[in-house]
PDB file of all heavy atoms in Angstrom:
ATOM      1  N   TRP A   1     -71.655 -53.096 -16.365  1.00  0.00           N
ATOM      2  CA  TRP A   1     -72.657 -54.086 -16.360  1.00  0.00           C
ATOM      3  C   TRP A   1     -72.518 -55.026 -17.430  1.00  0.00           C
ATOM      4  O   TRP A   1     -72.251 -54.625 -18.606  1.00  0.00           O
ATOM      5  CB  TRP A   1     -74.070 -53.465 -16.461  1.00  0.00           C
ATOM      6  CG  TRP A   1     -75.205 -54.459 -16.349  1.00  0.00           C
ATOM      7  CD1 TRP A   1     -75.737 -54.896 -15.210  1.00  0.00           C
ATOM      8  CD2 TRP A   1     -75.916 -54.965 -17.499  1.00  0.00           C
ATOM      9  NE1 TRP A   1     -76.830 -55.831 -15.567  1.00  0.00           N
ATOM     10  CE2 TRP A   1     -76.983 -55.936 -16.936  1.00  0.00           C
ATOM     11  CE3 TRP A   1     -75.779 -54.941 -18.799  1.00  0.00           C
ATOM     12  CZ2 TRP A   1     -77.847 -56.577 -17.702  1.00  0.00           C
ATOM     13  CZ3 TRP A   1     -76.673 -55.628 -19.606  1.00  0.00           C
ATOM     14  CH2 TRP A   1     -77.659 -56.404 -19.096  1.00  0.00           C
ATOM     15  N   CYS A   2     -72.388 -56.501 -17.153  1.00  0.00           N
ATOM     16  CA  CYS A   2     -72.103 -57.424 -18.316  1.00  0.00           C
ATOM     17  C   CYS A   2     -73.177 -58.385 -18.370  1.00  0.00           C
ATOM     18  O   CYS A   2     -73.583 -58.911 -17.355  1.00  0.00           O
ATOM     19  CB  CYS A   2     -70.727 -58.045 -17.952  1.00  0.00           C
ATOM     20  SG  CYS A   2     -69.343 -56.861 -17.910  1.00  0.00           S
ATOM     21  N   GLN A   3     -73.431 -58.833 -19.468  1.00  0.00           N
ATOM     22  CA  GLN A   3     -74.344 -59.899 -19.816  1.00  0.00           C
ATOM     23  C   GLN A   3     -73.680 -60.748 -20.820  1.00  0.00           C
ATOM     24  O   GLN A   3     -73.440 -60.317 -22.023  1.00  0.00           O
ATOM     25  CB  GLN A   3     -75.762 -59.382 -20.229  1.00  0.00           C
ATOM     26  CG  GLN A   3     -76.717 -60.602 -20.448  1.00  0.00           C
ATOM     27  CD  GLN A   3     -78.125 -60.103 -20.825  1.00  0.00           C
ATOM     28  OE1 GLN A   3     -78.275 -58.988 -21.429  1.00  0.00           O
ATOM     29  NE2 GLN A   3     -79.010 -60.829 -20.515  1.00  0.00           N
ATOM     30  N   LYS A   4     -73.339 -62.019 -20.476  1.00  0.00           N
ATOM     31  CA  LYS A   4     -72.611 -62.928 -21.394  1.00  0.00           C
ATOM     32  C   LYS A   4     -71.347 -62.276 -21.680  1.00  0.00           C
ATOM     33  O   LYS A   4     -70.498 -62.019 -20.752  1.00  0.00           O
ATOM     34  CB  LYS A   4     -73.348 -63.236 -22.708  1.00  0.00           C
ATOM     35  CG  LYS A   4     -74.709 -64.069 -22.336  1.00  0.00           C
ATOM     36  CD  LYS A   4     -75.498 -64.398 -23.617  1.00  0.00           C
ATOM     37  CE  LYS A   4     -76.647 -65.231 -23.198  1.00  0.00           C
ATOM     38  NZ  LYS A   4     -77.541 -65.559 -24.481  1.00  0.00           N
ATOM     39  N   ASN A   5     -71.003 -61.943 -22.981  1.00  0.00           N
ATOM     40  CA  ASN A   5     -69.620 -61.425 -23.223  1.00  0.00           C
ATOM     41  C   ASN A   5     -69.743 -59.923 -23.602  1.00  0.00           C
ATOM     42  O   ASN A   5     -68.793 -59.231 -23.989  1.00  0.00           O
ATOM     43  CB  ASN A   5     -69.120 -62.118 -24.415  1.00  0.00           C
ATOM     44  CG  ASN A   5     -68.861 -63.540 -24.174  1.00  0.00           C
ATOM     45  OD1 ASN A   5     -68.384 -63.916 -23.172  1.00  0.00           O
ATOM     46  ND2 ASN A   5     -69.021 -64.339 -25.283  1.00  0.00           N
ATOM     47  N   ASP A   6     -70.945 -59.238 -23.410  1.00  0.00           N
ATOM     48  CA  ASP A   6     -71.116 -57.881 -23.694  1.00  0.00           C
ATOM     49  C   ASP A   6     -71.074 -57.023 -22.406  1.00  0.00           C
ATOM     50  O   ASP A   6     -71.868 -57.387 -21.390  1.00  0.00           O
ATOM     51  CB  ASP A   6     -72.516 -57.617 -24.516  1.00  0.00           C
ATOM     52  CG  ASP A   6     -72.448 -58.315 -25.704  1.00  0.00           C
ATOM     53  OD1 ASP A   6     -71.498 -58.387 -26.333  1.00  0.00           O
ATOM     54  OD2 ASP A   6     -73.519 -58.822 -26.104  1.00  0.00           O
ATOM     55  N   CYS A   7     -70.292 -56.011 -22.430  1.00  0.00           N
ATOM     56  CA  CYS A   7     -70.261 -55.179 -21.180  1.00  0.00           C
ATOM     57  C   CYS A   7     -70.488 -53.763 -21.513  1.00  0.00           C
ATOM     58  O   CYS A   7     -70.144 -53.305 -22.612  1.00  0.00           O
ATOM     59  CB  CYS A   7     -68.690 -55.324 -20.510  1.00  0.00           C
ATOM     60  SG  CYS A   7     -68.448 -56.890 -19.779  1.00  0.00           S
ATOM     61  N   PHE A   8     -71.037 -52.928 -20.594  1.00  0.00           N
ATOM     62  CA  PHE A   8     -71.507 -51.585 -20.872  1.00  0.00           C
ATOM     63  C   PHE A   8     -71.165 -50.762 -19.651  1.00  0.00           C
ATOM     64  O   PHE A   8     -71.247 -51.323 -18.444  1.00  0.00           O
ATOM     65  CB  PHE A   8     -72.979 -51.565 -21.125  1.00  0.00           C
ATOM     66  CG  PHE A   8     -73.515 -52.379 -22.376  1.00  0.00           C
ATOM     67  CD1 PHE A   8     -73.834 -53.667 -22.146  1.00  0.00           C
ATOM     68  CD2 PHE A   8     -73.471 -51.864 -23.634  1.00  0.00           C
ATOM     69  CE1 PHE A   8     -74.127 -54.527 -23.159  1.00  0.00           C
ATOM     70  CE2 PHE A   8     -73.868 -52.658 -24.659  1.00  0.00           C
ATOM     71  CZ  PHE A   8     -74.086 -53.936 -24.461  1.00  0.00           C
ATOM     72  N   ASN A   9     -70.888 -49.461 -19.825  1.00  0.00           N
ATOM     73  CA  ASN A   9     -70.685 -48.638 -18.746  1.00  0.00           C
ATOM     74  C   ASN A   9     -71.984 -48.306 -18.070  1.00  0.00           C
ATOM     75  O   ASN A   9     -72.966 -48.102 -18.689  1.00  0.00           O
ATOM     76  CB  ASN A   9     -69.986 -47.340 -19.145  1.00  0.00           C
ATOM     77  CG  ASN A   9     -68.525 -47.553 -19.468  1.00  0.00           C
ATOM     78  OD1 ASN A   9     -67.876 -48.523 -18.923  1.00  0.00           O
ATOM     79  ND2 ASN A   9     -67.923 -46.645 -20.262  1.00  0.00           N
ATOM     80  N   LEU A  10     -71.893 -48.224 -16.673  1.00  0.00           N
ATOM     81  CA  LEU A  10     -73.168 -48.110 -15.909  1.00  0.00           C
ATOM     82  C   LEU A  10     -73.091 -46.691 -15.179  1.00  0.00           C
ATOM     83  O   LEU A  10     -72.070 -46.392 -14.728  1.00  0.00           O
ATOM     84  CB  LEU A  10     -73.155 -49.181 -14.843  1.00  0.00           C
ATOM     85  CG  LEU A  10     -74.421 -49.583 -14.086  1.00  0.00           C
ATOM     86  CD1 LEU A  10     -75.461 -50.010 -14.934  1.00  0.00           C
ATOM     87  CD2 LEU A  10     -73.891 -50.623 -13.112  1.00  0.00           C
ATOM     88  N   ASP A  11     -74.079 -45.832 -15.234  1.00  0.00           N
ATOM     89  CA  ASP A  11     -74.218 -44.543 -14.555  1.00  0.00           C
ATOM     90  C   ASP A  11     -74.671 -44.821 -13.101  1.00  0.00           C
ATOM     91  O   ASP A  11     -75.078 -45.873 -12.629  1.00  0.00           O
ATOM     92  CB  ASP A  11     -74.988 -43.592 -15.332  1.00  0.00           C
ATOM     93  CG  ASP A  11     -76.436 -43.701 -15.312  1.00  0.00           C
ATOM     94  OD1 ASP A  11     -76.975 -44.544 -14.555  1.00  0.00           O
ATOM     95  OD2 ASP A  11     -77.240 -42.905 -15.980  1.00  0.00           O
ATOM     96  N   LYS A  12     -74.757 -43.730 -12.471  1.00  0.00           N
ATOM     97  CA  LYS A  12     -75.102 -43.680 -10.955  1.00  0.00           C
ATOM     98  C   LYS A  12     -76.504 -44.203 -10.780  1.00  0.00           C
ATOM     99  O   LYS A  12     -77.018 -44.692  -9.725  1.00  0.00           O
ATOM    100  CB  LYS A  12     -74.968 -42.376 -10.387  1.00  0.00           C
ATOM    101  CG  LYS A  12     -75.861 -41.331 -10.994  1.00  0.00           C
ATOM    102  CD  LYS A  12     -75.458 -39.862 -10.473  1.00  0.00           C
ATOM    103  CE  LYS A  12     -76.282 -38.854 -11.305  1.00  0.00           C
ATOM    104  NZ  LYS A  12     -75.923 -37.475 -10.772  1.00  0.00           N
ATOM    105  N   ASN A  13     -77.371 -44.099 -11.858  1.00  0.00           N
ATOM    106  CA  ASN A  13     -78.858 -44.510 -11.755  1.00  0.00           C
ATOM    107  C   ASN A  13     -79.078 -45.923 -12.190  1.00  0.00           C
ATOM    108  O   ASN A  13     -80.292 -46.452 -12.257  1.00  0.00           O
ATOM    109  CB  ASN A  13     -79.698 -43.561 -12.480  1.00  0.00           C
ATOM    110  CG  ASN A  13     -79.619 -42.092 -12.007  1.00  0.00           C
ATOM    111  OD1 ASN A  13     -79.728 -41.837 -10.683  1.00  0.00           O
ATOM    112  ND2 ASN A  13     -79.380 -41.142 -12.747  1.00  0.00           N
ATOM    113  N   GLY A  14     -78.018 -46.697 -12.474  1.00  0.00           N
ATOM    114  CA  GLY A  14     -78.141 -47.958 -12.957  1.00  0.00           C
ATOM    115  C   GLY A  14     -78.539 -48.192 -14.537  1.00  0.00           C
ATOM    116  O   GLY A  14     -79.036 -49.134 -14.865  1.00  0.00           O
ATOM    117  N   VAL A  15     -78.268 -47.143 -15.210  1.00  0.00           N
ATOM    118  CA  VAL A  15     -78.529 -47.049 -16.758  1.00  0.00           C
ATOM    119  C   VAL A  15     -77.184 -47.246 -17.420  1.00  0.00           C
ATOM    120  O   VAL A  15     -76.295 -46.604 -17.282  1.00  0.00           O
ATOM    121  CB  VAL A  15     -79.204 -45.656 -17.141  1.00  0.00           C
ATOM    122  CG1 VAL A  15     -79.383 -45.488 -18.562  1.00  0.00           C
ATOM    123  CG2 VAL A  15     -80.445 -45.473 -16.370  1.00  0.00           C
ATOM    124  N   ILE A  16     -77.372 -48.190 -18.495  1.00  0.00           N
ATOM    125  CA  ILE A  16     -76.156 -48.311 -19.350  1.00  0.00           C
ATOM    126  C   ILE A  16     -76.265 -47.306 -20.399  1.00  0.00           C
ATOM    127  O   ILE A  16     -77.281 -47.032 -21.094  1.00  0.00           O
ATOM    128  CB  ILE A  16     -76.157 -49.820 -19.922  1.00  0.00           C
ATOM    129  CG1 ILE A  16     -77.397 -50.157 -20.624  1.00  0.00           C
ATOM    130  CG2 ILE A  16     -75.785 -50.697 -18.875  1.00  0.00           C
ATOM    131  CD1 ILE A  16     -77.347 -51.452 -21.514  1.00  0.00           C
ATOM    132  N   PHE A  17     -74.961 -46.755 -20.785  1.00  0.00           N
ATOM    133  CA  PHE A  17     -75.039 -45.669 -21.646  1.00  0.00           C
ATOM    134  C   PHE A  17     -74.014 -45.648 -22.799  1.00  0.00           C
ATOM    135  O   PHE A  17     -73.971 -45.043 -23.615  1.00  0.00           O
ATOM    136  CB  PHE A  17     -74.813 -44.364 -20.934  1.00  0.00           C
ATOM    137  CG  PHE A  17     -73.657 -44.213 -20.115  1.00  0.00           C
ATOM    138  CD1 PHE A  17     -72.460 -43.556 -20.630  1.00  0.00           C
ATOM    139  CD2 PHE A  17     -73.538 -44.553 -18.910  1.00  0.00           C
ATOM    140  CE1 PHE A  17     -71.368 -43.467 -20.002  1.00  0.00           C
ATOM    141  CE2 PHE A  17     -72.489 -44.376 -18.117  1.00  0.00           C
ATOM    142  CZ  PHE A  17     -71.191 -43.820 -18.623  1.00  0.00           C
ATOM    143  N   GLU A  18     -73.051 -46.677 -22.746  1.00  0.00           N
ATOM    144  CA  GLU A  18     -72.097 -46.986 -23.779  1.00  0.00           C
ATOM    145  C   GLU A  18     -71.423 -48.410 -23.633  1.00  0.00           C
ATOM    146  O   GLU A  18     -71.364 -48.743 -22.561  1.00  0.00           O
ATOM    147  CB  GLU A  18     -71.025 -45.809 -23.840  1.00  0.00           C
ATOM    148  CG  GLU A  18     -70.203 -45.695 -22.655  1.00  0.00           C
ATOM    149  CD  GLU A  18     -69.137 -44.635 -22.713  1.00  0.00           C
ATOM    150  OE1 GLU A  18     -68.965 -43.901 -23.739  1.00  0.00           O
ATOM    151  OE2 GLU A  18     -68.423 -44.379 -21.728  1.00  0.00           O
ATOM    152  N   ALA A  19     -70.966 -48.889 -24.731  1.00  0.00           N
ATOM    153  CA  ALA A  19     -70.293 -50.127 -24.609  1.00  0.00           C
ATOM    154  C   ALA A  19     -68.905 -49.935 -23.934  1.00  0.00           C
ATOM    155  O   ALA A  19     -68.383 -48.816 -24.040  1.00  0.00           O
ATOM    156  CB  ALA A  19     -70.099 -50.638 -26.062  1.00  0.00           C
ATOM    157  N   SER A  20     -68.543 -50.928 -23.216  1.00  0.00           N
ATOM    158  CA  SER A  20     -67.244 -50.893 -22.412  1.00  0.00           C
ATOM    159  C   SER A  20     -66.418 -52.066 -22.889  1.00  0.00           C
ATOM    160  O   SER A  20     -66.785 -53.284 -22.685  1.00  0.00           O
ATOM    161  CB  SER A  20     -67.500 -50.926 -20.909  1.00  0.00           C
ATOM    162  OG  SER A  20     -66.395 -50.986 -20.340  1.00  0.00           O
ATOM    163  N   ALA A  21     -65.237 -51.839 -23.407  1.00  0.00           N
ATOM    164  CA  ALA A  21     -64.331 -52.832 -23.803  1.00  0.00           C
ATOM    165  C   ALA A  21     -63.603 -53.315 -22.666  1.00  0.00           C
ATOM    166  O   ALA A  21     -63.176 -54.545 -22.609  1.00  0.00           O
ATOM    167  CB  ALA A  21     -63.329 -52.410 -24.796  1.00  0.00           C
ATOM    168  N   GLU A  22     -63.473 -52.524 -21.553  1.00  0.00           N
ATOM    169  CA  GLU A  22     -62.708 -52.905 -20.295  1.00  0.00           C
ATOM    170  C   GLU A  22     -63.661 -52.995 -19.189  1.00  0.00           C
ATOM    171  O   GLU A  22     -64.726 -52.243 -19.015  1.00  0.00           O
ATOM    172  CB  GLU A  22     -61.635 -51.843 -20.182  1.00  0.00           C
ATOM    173  CG  GLU A  22     -60.546 -51.681 -21.172  1.00  0.00           C
ATOM    174  CD  GLU A  22     -59.657 -50.535 -20.877  1.00  0.00           C
ATOM    175  OE1 GLU A  22     -59.743 -49.840 -19.893  1.00  0.00           O
ATOM    176  OE2 GLU A  22     -58.710 -50.360 -21.648  1.00  0.00           O
ATOM    177  N   THR A  23     -63.357 -53.870 -18.390  1.00  0.00           N
ATOM    178  CA  THR A  23     -64.192 -54.002 -17.119  1.00  0.00           C
ATOM    179  C   THR A  23     -63.289 -53.669 -15.843  1.00  0.00           C
ATOM    180  O   THR A  23     -63.467 -54.260 -14.847  1.00  0.00           O
ATOM    181  CB  THR A  23     -64.760 -55.449 -16.981  1.00  0.00           C
ATOM    182  OG1 THR A  23     -63.649 -56.405 -17.028  1.00  0.00           O
ATOM    183  CG2 THR A  23     -65.729 -55.704 -18.114  1.00  0.00           C
ATOM    184  N   ILE A  24     -62.307 -52.788 -16.032  1.00  0.00           N
ATOM    185  CA  ILE A  24     -61.607 -52.380 -14.887  1.00  0.00           C
ATOM    186  C   ILE A  24     -62.341 -51.417 -13.995  1.00  0.00           C
ATOM    187  O   ILE A  24     -61.988 -51.184 -12.928  1.00  0.00           O
ATOM    188  CB  ILE A  24     -60.240 -51.651 -15.303  1.00  0.00           C
ATOM    189  CG1 ILE A  24     -60.534 -50.428 -16.224  1.00  0.00           C
ATOM    190  CG2 ILE A  24     -59.345 -52.642 -16.040  1.00  0.00           C
ATOM    191  CD1 ILE A  24     -59.348 -49.682 -16.552  1.00  0.00           C
ATOM    192  N   LEU A  25     -63.469 -50.922 -14.516  1.00  0.00           N
ATOM    193  CA  LEU A  25     -64.317 -50.111 -13.686  1.00  0.00           C
ATOM    194  C   LEU A  25     -64.961 -50.952 -12.541  1.00  0.00           C
ATOM    195  O   LEU A  25     -65.292 -51.956 -12.778  1.00  0.00           O
ATOM    196  CB  LEU A  25     -65.429 -49.342 -14.497  1.00  0.00           C
ATOM    197  CG  LEU A  25     -64.869 -48.427 -15.508  1.00  0.00           C
ATOM    198  CD1 LEU A  25     -66.070 -48.135 -16.574  1.00  0.00           C
ATOM    199  CD2 LEU A  25     -64.478 -47.136 -14.857  1.00  0.00           C
ATOM    200  N   ARG A  26     -65.100 -50.299 -11.464  1.00  0.00           N
ATOM    201  CA  ARG A  26     -65.721 -51.201 -10.250  1.00  0.00           C
ATOM    202  C   ARG A  26     -66.906 -50.454  -9.806  1.00  0.00           C
ATOM    203  O   ARG A  26     -66.880 -49.186  -9.727  1.00  0.00           O
ATOM    204  CB  ARG A  26     -64.811 -51.229  -9.122  1.00  0.00           C
ATOM    205  CG  ARG A  26     -63.418 -52.091  -9.572  1.00  0.00           C
ATOM    206  CD  ARG A  26     -63.861 -53.655  -9.779  1.00  0.00           C
ATOM    207  NE  ARG A  26     -62.716 -54.471  -9.899  1.00  0.00           N
ATOM    208  CZ  ARG A  26     -62.298 -54.674 -11.218  1.00  0.00           C
ATOM    209  NH1 ARG A  26     -62.835 -54.251 -12.227  1.00  0.00           N
ATOM    210  NH2 ARG A  26     -61.281 -55.538 -11.315  1.00  0.00           N
ATOM    211  N   PRO A  27     -67.949 -51.062  -9.303  1.00  0.00           N
ATOM    212  CA  PRO A  27     -67.931 -52.543  -9.345  1.00  0.00           C
ATOM    213  C   PRO A  27     -68.360 -53.157 -10.781  1.00  0.00           C
ATOM    214  O   PRO A  27     -69.158 -52.387 -11.536  1.00  0.00           O
ATOM    215  CB  PRO A  27     -69.110 -52.769  -8.322  1.00  0.00           C
ATOM    216  CG  PRO A  27     -69.989 -51.730  -8.405  1.00  0.00           C
ATOM    217  CD  PRO A  27     -69.053 -50.400  -8.721  1.00  0.00           C
ATOM    218  N   VAL A  28     -68.011 -54.350 -11.044  1.00  0.00           N
ATOM    219  CA  VAL A  28     -68.476 -54.841 -12.183  1.00  0.00           C
ATOM    220  C   VAL A  28     -69.639 -55.750 -11.837  1.00  0.00           C
ATOM    221  O   VAL A  28     -69.585 -56.638 -10.929  1.00  0.00           O
ATOM    222  CB  VAL A  28     -67.447 -55.923 -12.864  1.00  0.00           C
ATOM    223  CG1 VAL A  28     -68.020 -56.707 -13.972  1.00  0.00           C
ATOM    224  CG2 VAL A  28     -66.248 -55.069 -13.234  1.00  0.00           C
ATOM    225  N   VAL A  29     -70.763 -55.602 -12.511  1.00  0.00           N
ATOM    226  CA  VAL A  29     -72.021 -56.378 -12.164  1.00  0.00           C
ATOM    227  C   VAL A  29     -72.386 -57.214 -13.332  1.00  0.00           C
ATOM    228  O   VAL A  29     -72.576 -56.721 -14.436  1.00  0.00           O
ATOM    229  CB  VAL A  29     -73.237 -55.373 -11.812  1.00  0.00           C
ATOM    230  CG1 VAL A  29     -74.471 -56.168 -11.534  1.00  0.00           C
ATOM    231  CG2 VAL A  29     -72.846 -54.391 -10.809  1.00  0.00           C
ATOM    232  N   ARG A  30     -72.620 -58.589 -13.045  1.00  0.00           N
ATOM    233  CA  ARG A  30     -73.009 -59.441 -14.206  1.00  0.00           C
ATOM    234  C   ARG A  30     -74.301 -60.005 -13.830  1.00  0.00           C
ATOM    235  O   ARG A  30     -74.918 -59.947 -12.625  1.00  0.00           O
ATOM    236  CB  ARG A  30     -72.075 -60.665 -14.187  1.00  0.00           C
ATOM    237  CG  ARG A  30     -70.597 -60.214 -14.691  1.00  0.00           C
ATOM    238  CD  ARG A  30     -69.809 -61.377 -15.037  1.00  0.00           C
ATOM    239  NE  ARG A  30     -68.456 -61.034 -15.440  1.00  0.00           N
ATOM    240  CZ  ARG A  30     -68.188 -60.774 -16.769  1.00  0.00           C
ATOM    241  NH1 ARG A  30     -69.269 -61.042 -17.682  1.00  0.00           N
ATOM    242  NH2 ARG A  30     -67.039 -60.445 -17.128  1.00  0.00           N
ATOM    243  N   THR A  31     -74.989 -60.453 -14.794  1.00  0.00           N
ATOM    244  CA  THR A  31     -76.295 -61.161 -14.712  1.00  0.00           C
ATOM    245  C   THR A  31     -76.186 -62.432 -15.468  1.00  0.00           C
ATOM    246  O   THR A  31     -75.766 -62.344 -16.621  1.00  0.00           O
ATOM    247  CB  THR A  31     -77.486 -60.233 -15.064  1.00  0.00           C
ATOM    248  OG1 THR A  31     -78.714 -60.989 -14.848  1.00  0.00           O
ATOM    249  CG2 THR A  31     -77.462 -59.762 -16.496  1.00  0.00           C
ATOM    250  N   GLU A  32     -76.757 -63.539 -14.944  1.00  0.00           N
ATOM    251  CA  GLU A  32     -76.752 -64.760 -15.634  1.00  0.00           C
ATOM    252  C   GLU A  32     -78.060 -65.125 -16.146  1.00  0.00           C
ATOM    253  O   GLU A  32     -78.273 -66.095 -16.854  1.00  0.00           O
ATOM    254  CB  GLU A  32     -76.282 -65.885 -14.731  1.00  0.00           C
ATOM    255  CG  GLU A  32     -74.870 -65.746 -14.235  1.00  0.00           C
ATOM    256  CD  GLU A  32     -74.305 -66.938 -13.306  1.00  0.00           C
ATOM    257  OE1 GLU A  32     -75.116 -67.761 -12.957  1.00  0.00           O
ATOM    258  OE2 GLU A  32     -73.085 -67.068 -13.208  1.00  0.00           O
TER     259      GLU A  32
END
């Protein structure tokens, strides 16, 4: 899950639990 330039790993419940330097995980979800 990414907002602006910050990305975080997303669990199955939609909760972010750690910073992610890579966005190779799928799906990548952004919010503007």
